[in-house]
Every structure is written in structure tokens, then in C-alpha cells.
Amino acid sequence: VPASGIALIIGVDRILDMSRTAINVTGDLTACV
């Protein structure tokens, strides 16, 4: 896949970045438990 294809998803990446980070930290806390 051409790397230039990332241009298509850059616009919504920050919103998804926020969502996946919330899941990342939930995974860390799950691992602790």
C-alpha cells in the first residue's frame, strides 16, 4: 500500500488516537488486576 494513503486517514487520526489510548490504559489496569 502506498504510504501516501495515510493522507486519507490523517484527518480523523487524532480522534481515534484518543480512543485507542483510553483502551491502552484500560489494558494496563486489567493486567495489574
PDB file of all heavy atoms in Angstrom:
ATOM      1  N   VAL A   1       0.859  -1.184   0.000  1.00  0.00           N
ATOM      2  CA  VAL A   1       0.000   0.000   0.000  1.00  0.00           C
ATOM      3  C   VAL A   1       0.895   1.233   0.000  1.00  0.00           C
ATOM      4  O   VAL A   1       1.806   1.339   0.827  1.00  0.00           O
ATOM      5  CB  VAL A   1      -0.918   0.018   1.233  1.00  0.00           C
ATOM      6  CG1 VAL A   1      -1.739   1.303   1.277  1.00  0.00           C
ATOM      7  CG2 VAL A   1      -1.840  -1.187   1.218  1.00  0.00           C
ATOM      8  N   PRO A   2       0.663   2.185  -0.893  1.00  0.00           N
ATOM      9  CA  PRO A   2       1.495   3.394  -0.893  1.00  0.00           C
ATOM     10  C   PRO A   2       1.360   4.170   0.408  1.00  0.00           C
ATOM     11  O   PRO A   2       0.257   4.324   0.936  1.00  0.00           O
ATOM     12  CB  PRO A   2       0.954   4.207  -2.079  1.00  0.00           C
ATOM     13  CG  PRO A   2      -0.418   3.676  -2.325  1.00  0.00           C
ATOM     14  CD  PRO A   2      -0.379   2.226  -1.946  1.00  0.00           C
ATOM     15  N   ALA A   3       2.502   4.643   0.924  1.00  0.00           N
ATOM     16  CA  ALA A   3       2.483   5.382   2.184  1.00  0.00           C
ATOM     17  C   ALA A   3       1.649   6.652   2.087  1.00  0.00           C
ATOM     18  O   ALA A   3       1.125   7.143   3.089  1.00  0.00           O
ATOM     19  CB  ALA A   3       3.913   5.731   2.610  1.00  0.00           C
ATOM     20  N   SER A   4       1.492   7.163   0.879  1.00  0.00           N
ATOM     21  CA  SER A   4       0.686   8.368   0.698  1.00  0.00           C
ATOM     22  C   SER A   4      -0.783   8.130   1.042  1.00  0.00           C
ATOM     23  O   SER A   4      -1.542   9.072   1.265  1.00  0.00           O
ATOM     24  CB  SER A   4       0.786   8.858  -0.751  1.00  0.00           C
ATOM     25  OG  SER A   4       0.361   7.847  -1.653  1.00  0.00           O
ATOM     26  N   GLY A   5      -1.190   6.855   1.127  1.00  0.00           N
ATOM     27  CA  GLY A   5      -2.560   6.552   1.502  1.00  0.00           C
ATOM     28  C   GLY A   5      -2.912   6.994   2.904  1.00  0.00           C
ATOM     29  O   GLY A   5      -4.086   7.155   3.251  1.00  0.00           O
ATOM     30  N   ILE A   6      -1.879   7.216   3.718  1.00  0.00           N
ATOM     31  CA  ILE A   6      -2.110   7.689   5.081  1.00  0.00           C
ATOM     32  C   ILE A   6      -2.803   9.045   5.065  1.00  0.00           C
ATOM     33  O   ILE A   6      -3.513   9.407   6.006  1.00  0.00           O
ATOM     34  CB  ILE A   6      -0.776   7.764   5.852  1.00  0.00           C
ATOM     35  CG1 ILE A   6      -0.235   6.351   6.066  1.00  0.00           C
ATOM     36  CG2 ILE A   6      -0.931   8.461   7.180  1.00  0.00           C
ATOM     37  CD1 ILE A   6       1.064   6.299   6.796  1.00  0.00           C
ATOM     38  N   ALA A   7      -2.615   9.789   3.978  1.00  0.00           N
ATOM     39  CA  ALA A   7      -3.253  11.108   3.880  1.00  0.00           C
ATOM     40  C   ALA A   7      -4.761  11.012   4.034  1.00  0.00           C
ATOM     41  O   ALA A   7      -5.413  11.951   4.501  1.00  0.00           O
ATOM     42  CB  ALA A   7      -2.903  11.752   2.535  1.00  0.00           C
ATOM     43  N   LEU A   8      -5.323   9.857   3.678  1.00  0.00           N
ATOM     44  CA  LEU A   8      -6.778   9.682   3.747  1.00  0.00           C
ATOM     45  C   LEU A   8      -7.266   9.605   5.188  1.00  0.00           C
ATOM     46  O   LEU A   8      -8.385  10.027   5.481  1.00  0.00           O
ATOM     47  CB  LEU A   8      -7.176   8.411   2.989  1.00  0.00           C
ATOM     48  CG  LEU A   8      -8.675   8.116   2.871  1.00  0.00           C
ATOM     49  CD1 LEU A   8      -9.364   9.217   2.064  1.00  0.00           C
ATOM     50  CD2 LEU A   8      -8.899   6.759   2.221  1.00  0.00           C
ATOM     51  N   ILE A   9      -6.449   9.079   6.077  1.00  0.00           N
ATOM     52  CA  ILE A   9      -6.909   8.871   7.449  1.00  0.00           C
ATOM     53  C   ILE A   9      -6.307   9.850   8.449  1.00  0.00           C
ATOM     54  O   ILE A   9      -6.644   9.804   9.635  1.00  0.00           O
ATOM     55  CB  ILE A   9      -6.603   7.427   7.911  1.00  0.00           C
ATOM     56  CG1 ILE A   9      -5.093   7.166   7.890  1.00  0.00           C
ATOM     57  CG2 ILE A   9      -7.327   6.421   7.046  1.00  0.00           C
ATOM     58  CD1 ILE A   9      -4.722   5.805   8.409  1.00  0.00           C
ATOM     59  N   ILE A  10      -5.430  10.736   7.970  1.00  0.00           N
ATOM     60  CA  ILE A  10      -4.812  11.692   8.889  1.00  0.00           C
ATOM     61  C   ILE A  10      -5.865  12.590   9.542  1.00  0.00           C
ATOM     62  O   ILE A  10      -5.771  12.925  10.728  1.00  0.00           O
ATOM     63  CB  ILE A  10      -3.753  12.545   8.150  1.00  0.00           C
ATOM     64  CG1 ILE A  10      -2.462  11.739   7.962  1.00  0.00           C
ATOM     65  CG2 ILE A  10      -3.455  13.822   8.922  1.00  0.00           C
ATOM     66  CD1 ILE A  10      -1.377  12.488   7.238  1.00  0.00           C
ATOM     67  N   GLY A  11      -6.879  12.969   8.794  1.00  0.00           N
ATOM     68  CA  GLY A  11      -7.875  13.898   9.314  1.00  0.00           C
ATOM     69  C   GLY A  11      -8.614  13.397  10.537  1.00  0.00           C
ATOM     70  O   GLY A  11      -8.981  14.187  11.411  1.00  0.00           O
ATOM     71  N   VAL A  12      -8.828  12.078  10.614  1.00  0.00           N
ATOM     72  CA  VAL A  12      -9.574  11.526  11.749  1.00  0.00           C
ATOM     73  C   VAL A  12      -8.662  10.773  12.709  1.00  0.00           C
ATOM     74  O   VAL A  12      -9.147  10.158  13.674  1.00  0.00           O
ATOM     75  CB  VAL A  12     -10.684  10.576  11.249  1.00  0.00           C
ATOM     76  CG1 VAL A  12     -11.701  11.342  10.428  1.00  0.00           C
ATOM     77  CG2 VAL A  12     -10.102   9.423  10.426  1.00  0.00           C
ATOM     78  N   ASP A  13      -7.358  10.819  12.486  1.00  0.00           N
ATOM     79  CA  ASP A  13      -6.446  10.030  13.312  1.00  0.00           C
ATOM     80  C   ASP A  13      -6.459  10.481  14.762  1.00  0.00           C
ATOM     81  O   ASP A  13      -6.398   9.661  15.673  1.00  0.00           O
ATOM     82  CB  ASP A  13      -5.023  10.108  12.754  1.00  0.00           C
ATOM     83  CG  ASP A  13      -4.034   9.348  13.624  1.00  0.00           C
ATOM     84  OD1 ASP A  13      -4.110   8.105  13.648  1.00  0.00           O
ATOM     85  OD2 ASP A  13      -3.211   9.995  14.298  1.00  0.00           O
ATOM     86  N   ARG A  14      -6.534  11.788  15.006  1.00  0.00           N
ATOM     87  CA  ARG A  14      -6.435  12.258  16.396  1.00  0.00           C
ATOM     88  C   ARG A  14      -7.621  11.772  17.231  1.00  0.00           C
ATOM     89  O   ARG A  14      -7.461  11.399  18.398  1.00  0.00           O
ATOM     90  CB  ARG A  14      -6.342  13.785  16.440  1.00  0.00           C
ATOM     91  CG  ARG A  14      -6.027  14.343  17.835  1.00  0.00           C
ATOM     92  CD  ARG A  14      -4.702  13.781  18.341  1.00  0.00           C
ATOM     93  NE  ARG A  14      -4.481  14.062  19.740  1.00  0.00           N
ATOM     94  CZ  ARG A  14      -3.915  15.178  20.197  1.00  0.00           C
ATOM     95  NH1 ARG A  14      -3.532  16.112  19.354  1.00  0.00           N
ATOM     96  NH2 ARG A  14      -3.740  15.355  21.480  1.00  0.00           N
ATOM     97  N   ILE A  15      -8.816  11.778  16.651  1.00  0.00           N
ATOM     98  CA  ILE A  15      -9.973  11.280  17.374  1.00  0.00           C
ATOM     99  C   ILE A  15      -9.788   9.808  17.725  1.00  0.00           C
ATOM    100  O   ILE A  15     -10.070   9.370  18.857  1.00  0.00           O
ATOM    101  CB  ILE A  15     -11.255  11.462  16.534  1.00  0.00           C
ATOM    102  CG1 ILE A  15     -11.509  12.952  16.264  1.00  0.00           C
ATOM    103  CG2 ILE A  15     -12.444  10.825  17.227  1.00  0.00           C
ATOM    104  CD1 ILE A  15     -11.815  13.753  17.499  1.00  0.00           C
ATOM    105  N   LEU A  16      -9.305   9.025  16.772  1.00  0.00           N
ATOM    106  CA  LEU A  16      -9.074   7.601  17.024  1.00  0.00           C
ATOM    107  C   LEU A  16      -7.891   7.395  17.962  1.00  0.00           C
ATOM    108  O   LEU A  16      -7.873   6.433  18.741  1.00  0.00           O
ATOM    109  CB  LEU A  16      -8.838   6.866  15.706  1.00  0.00           C
ATOM    110  CG  LEU A  16     -10.014   6.890  14.720  1.00  0.00           C
ATOM    111  CD1 LEU A  16      -9.654   6.148  13.437  1.00  0.00           C
ATOM    112  CD2 LEU A  16     -11.250   6.278  15.352  1.00  0.00           C
ATOM    113  N   ASP A  17      -6.903   8.284  17.898  1.00  0.00           N
ATOM    114  CA  ASP A  17      -5.760   8.227  18.798  1.00  0.00           C
ATOM    115  C   ASP A  17      -6.230   8.358  20.242  1.00  0.00           C
ATOM    116  O   ASP A  17      -5.784   7.634  21.137  1.00  0.00           O
ATOM    117  CB  ASP A  17      -4.773   9.353  18.447  1.00  0.00           C
ATOM    118  CG  ASP A  17      -3.415   9.147  19.104  1.00  0.00           C
ATOM    119  OD1 ASP A  17      -3.231   8.121  19.784  1.00  0.00           O
ATOM    120  OD2 ASP A  17      -2.546  10.024  18.942  1.00  0.00           O
ATOM    121  N   MET A  18      -7.137   9.282  20.479  1.00  0.00           N
ATOM    122  CA  MET A  18      -7.679   9.481  21.814  1.00  0.00           C
ATOM    123  C   MET A  18      -8.413   8.232  22.296  1.00  0.00           C
ATOM    124  O   MET A  18      -8.250   7.810  23.451  1.00  0.00           O
ATOM    125  CB  MET A  18      -8.630  10.684  21.803  1.00  0.00           C
ATOM    126  CG  MET A  18      -7.940  11.992  21.438  1.00  0.00           C
ATOM    127  SD  MET A  18      -9.087  13.254  20.851  1.00  0.00           S
ATOM    128  CE  MET A  18     -10.003  13.603  22.351  1.00  0.00           C
ATOM    129  N   SER A  19      -9.180   7.627  21.407  1.00  0.00           N
ATOM    130  CA  SER A  19      -9.978   6.453  21.787  1.00  0.00           C
ATOM    131  C   SER A  19      -9.090   5.249  22.082  1.00  0.00           C
ATOM    132  O   SER A  19      -9.295   4.537  23.075  1.00  0.00           O
ATOM    133  CB  SER A  19     -10.960   6.118  20.663  1.00  0.00           C
ATOM    134  OG  SER A  19     -11.804   7.211  20.375  1.00  0.00           O
ATOM    135  N   ARG A  20      -8.096   5.008  21.218  1.00  0.00           N
ATOM    136  CA  ARG A  20      -7.260   3.829  21.433  1.00  0.00           C
ATOM    137  C   ARG A  20      -6.361   3.995  22.663  1.00  0.00           C
ATOM    138  O   ARG A  20      -6.013   3.001  23.305  1.00  0.00           O
ATOM    139  CB  ARG A  20      -6.430   3.525  20.191  1.00  0.00           C
ATOM    140  CG  ARG A  20      -5.445   4.588  19.768  1.00  0.00           C
ATOM    141  CD  ARG A  20      -4.737   4.174  18.474  1.00  0.00           C
ATOM    142  NE  ARG A  20      -3.776   5.155  18.012  1.00  0.00           N
ATOM    143  CZ  ARG A  20      -3.964   5.978  16.991  1.00  0.00           C
ATOM    144  NH1 ARG A  20      -5.110   5.941  16.330  1.00  0.00           N
ATOM    145  NH2 ARG A  20      -3.029   6.835  16.614  1.00  0.00           N
ATOM    146  N   THR A  21      -5.998   5.231  23.010  1.00  0.00           N
ATOM    147  CA  THR A  21      -5.193   5.452  24.209  1.00  0.00           C
ATOM    148  C   THR A  21      -5.988   5.098  25.457  1.00  0.00           C
ATOM    149  O   THR A  21      -5.446   4.525  26.410  1.00  0.00           O
ATOM    150  CB  THR A  21      -4.720   6.907  24.286  1.00  0.00           C
ATOM    151  OG1 THR A  21      -3.990   7.240  23.107  1.00  0.00           O
ATOM    152  CG2 THR A  21      -3.815   7.120  25.493  1.00  0.00           C
ATOM    153  N   ALA A  22      -7.269   5.428  25.471  1.00  0.00           N
ATOM    154  CA  ALA A  22      -8.129   5.071  26.600  1.00  0.00           C
ATOM    155  C   ALA A  22      -8.184   3.557  26.780  1.00  0.00           C
ATOM    156  O   ALA A  22      -8.182   3.039  27.908  1.00  0.00           O
ATOM    157  CB  ALA A  22      -9.529   5.641  26.400  1.00  0.00           C
ATOM    158  N   ILE A  23      -8.212   2.827  25.661  1.00  0.00           N
ATOM    159  CA  ILE A  23      -8.223   1.363  25.738  1.00  0.00           C
ATOM    160  C   ILE A  23      -6.856   0.838  26.168  1.00  0.00           C
ATOM    161  O   ILE A  23      -6.761  -0.151  26.912  1.00  0.00           O
ATOM    162  CB  ILE A  23      -8.628   0.763  24.379  1.00  0.00           C
ATOM    163  CG1 ILE A  23     -10.026   1.228  23.993  1.00  0.00           C
ATOM    164  CG2 ILE A  23      -8.562  -0.756  24.423  1.00  0.00           C
ATOM    165  CD1 ILE A  23     -11.105   0.846  24.978  1.00  0.00           C
ATOM    166  N   ASN A  24      -5.786   1.483  25.721  1.00  0.00           N
ATOM    167  CA  ASN A  24      -4.439   1.060  26.118  1.00  0.00           C
ATOM    168  C   ASN A  24      -4.278   1.074  27.637  1.00  0.00           C
ATOM    169  O   ASN A  24      -3.775   0.113  28.231  1.00  0.00           O
ATOM    170  CB  ASN A  24      -3.381   1.971  25.482  1.00  0.00           C
ATOM    171  CG  ASN A  24      -3.188   1.699  24.000  1.00  0.00           C
ATOM    172  OD1 ASN A  24      -3.556   0.645  23.496  1.00  0.00           O
ATOM    173  ND2 ASN A  24      -2.605   2.652  23.297  1.00  0.00           N
ATOM    174  N   VAL A  25      -4.680   2.171  28.280  1.00  0.00           N
ATOM    175  CA  VAL A  25      -4.503   2.279  29.735  1.00  0.00           C
ATOM    176  C   VAL A  25      -5.451   1.323  30.461  1.00  0.00           C
ATOM    177  O   VAL A  25      -5.116   0.829  31.544  1.00  0.00           O
ATOM    178  CB  VAL A  25      -4.700   3.728  30.216  1.00  0.00           C
ATOM    179  CG1 VAL A  25      -3.673   4.650  29.580  1.00  0.00           C
ATOM    180  CG2 VAL A  25      -6.104   4.233  29.946  1.00  0.00           C
ATOM    181  N   THR A  26      -6.616   1.060  29.873  1.00  0.00           N
ATOM    182  CA  THR A  26      -7.516   0.070  30.466  1.00  0.00           C
ATOM    183  C   THR A  26      -6.871  -1.305  30.445  1.00  0.00           C
ATOM    184  O   THR A  26      -7.002  -2.084  31.399  1.00  0.00           O
ATOM    185  CB  THR A  26      -8.857   0.031  29.702  1.00  0.00           C
ATOM    186  OG1 THR A  26      -9.420   1.337  29.646  1.00  0.00           O
ATOM    187  CG2 THR A  26      -9.844  -0.899  30.393  1.00  0.00           C
ATOM    188  N   GLY A  27      -6.148  -1.607  29.362  1.00  0.00           N
ATOM    189  CA  GLY A  27      -5.426  -2.867  29.284  1.00  0.00           C
ATOM    190  C   GLY A  27      -4.344  -2.986  30.343  1.00  0.00           C
ATOM    191  O   GLY A  27      -4.125  -4.069  30.907  1.00  0.00           O
ATOM    192  N   ASP A  28      -3.651  -1.874  30.634  1.00  0.00           N
ATOM    193  CA  ASP A  28      -2.625  -1.886  31.678  1.00  0.00           C
ATOM    194  C   ASP A  28      -3.240  -2.178  33.047  1.00  0.00           C
ATOM    195  O   ASP A  28      -2.697  -2.963  33.834  1.00  0.00           O
ATOM    196  CB  ASP A  28      -1.891  -0.544  31.712  1.00  0.00           C
ATOM    197  CG  ASP A  28      -1.128  -0.259  30.435  1.00  0.00           C
ATOM    198  OD1 ASP A  28      -0.856  -1.218  29.678  1.00  0.00           O
ATOM    199  OD2 ASP A  28      -0.819   0.922  30.176  1.00  0.00           O
ATOM    200  N   LEU A  29      -4.373  -1.530  33.342  1.00  0.00           N
ATOM    201  CA  LEU A  29      -5.034  -1.746  34.630  1.00  0.00           C
ATOM    202  C   LEU A  29      -5.602  -3.156  34.726  1.00  0.00           C
ATOM    203  O   LEU A  29      -5.592  -3.770  35.801  1.00  0.00           O
ATOM    204  CB  LEU A  29      -6.141  -0.708  34.825  1.00  0.00           C
ATOM    205  CG  LEU A  29      -5.648   0.735  34.984  1.00  0.00           C
ATOM    206  CD1 LEU A  29      -6.817   1.711  35.006  1.00  0.00           C
ATOM    207  CD2 LEU A  29      -4.835   0.884  36.272  1.00  0.00           C
ATOM    208  N   THR A  30      -6.085  -3.690  33.602  1.00  0.00           N
ATOM    209  CA  THR A  30      -6.557  -5.077  33.586  1.00  0.00           C
ATOM    210  C   THR A  30      -5.418  -6.030  33.892  1.00  0.00           C
ATOM    211  O   THR A  30      -5.580  -6.991  34.658  1.00  0.00           O
ATOM    212  CB  THR A  30      -7.165  -5.416  32.210  1.00  0.00           C
ATOM    213  OG1 THR A  30      -8.246  -4.528  31.932  1.00  0.00           O
ATOM    214  CG2 THR A  30      -7.665  -6.846  32.174  1.00  0.00           C
ATOM    215  N   ALA A  31      -4.252  -5.768  33.317  1.00  0.00           N
ATOM    216  CA  ALA A  31      -3.082  -6.605  33.572  1.00  0.00           C
ATOM    217  C   ALA A  31      -2.697  -6.570  35.050  1.00  0.00           C
ATOM    218  O   ALA A  31      -2.311  -7.600  35.627  1.00  0.00           O
ATOM    219  CB  ALA A  31      -1.906  -6.145  32.707  1.00  0.00           C
ATOM    220  N   CYS A  32      -2.796  -5.399  35.669  1.00  0.00           N
ATOM    221  CA  CYS A  32      -2.498  -5.283  37.107  1.00  0.00           C
ATOM    222  C   CYS A  32      -3.415  -6.177  37.927  1.00  0.00           C
ATOM    223  O   CYS A  32      -2.971  -6.907  38.826  1.00  0.00           O
ATOM    224  CB  CYS A  32      -2.653  -3.833  37.560  1.00  0.00           C
ATOM    225  SG  CYS A  32      -1.362  -2.716  36.997  1.00  0.00           S
ATOM    226  N   VAL A  33      -4.711  -6.124  37.632  1.00  0.00           N
ATOM    227  CA  VAL A  33      -5.684  -6.925  38.369  1.00  0.00           C
ATOM    228  C   VAL A  33      -5.432  -8.419  38.158  1.00  0.00           C
ATOM    229  O   VAL A  33      -5.447  -9.213  39.106  1.00  0.00           O
ATOM    230  CB  VAL A  33      -7.118  -6.554  37.942  1.00  0.00           C
ATOM    231  CG1 VAL A  33      -8.130  -7.494  38.579  1.00  0.00           C
ATOM    232  CG2 VAL A  33      -7.431  -5.115  38.327  1.00  0.00           C
TER     233      VAL A  33
END
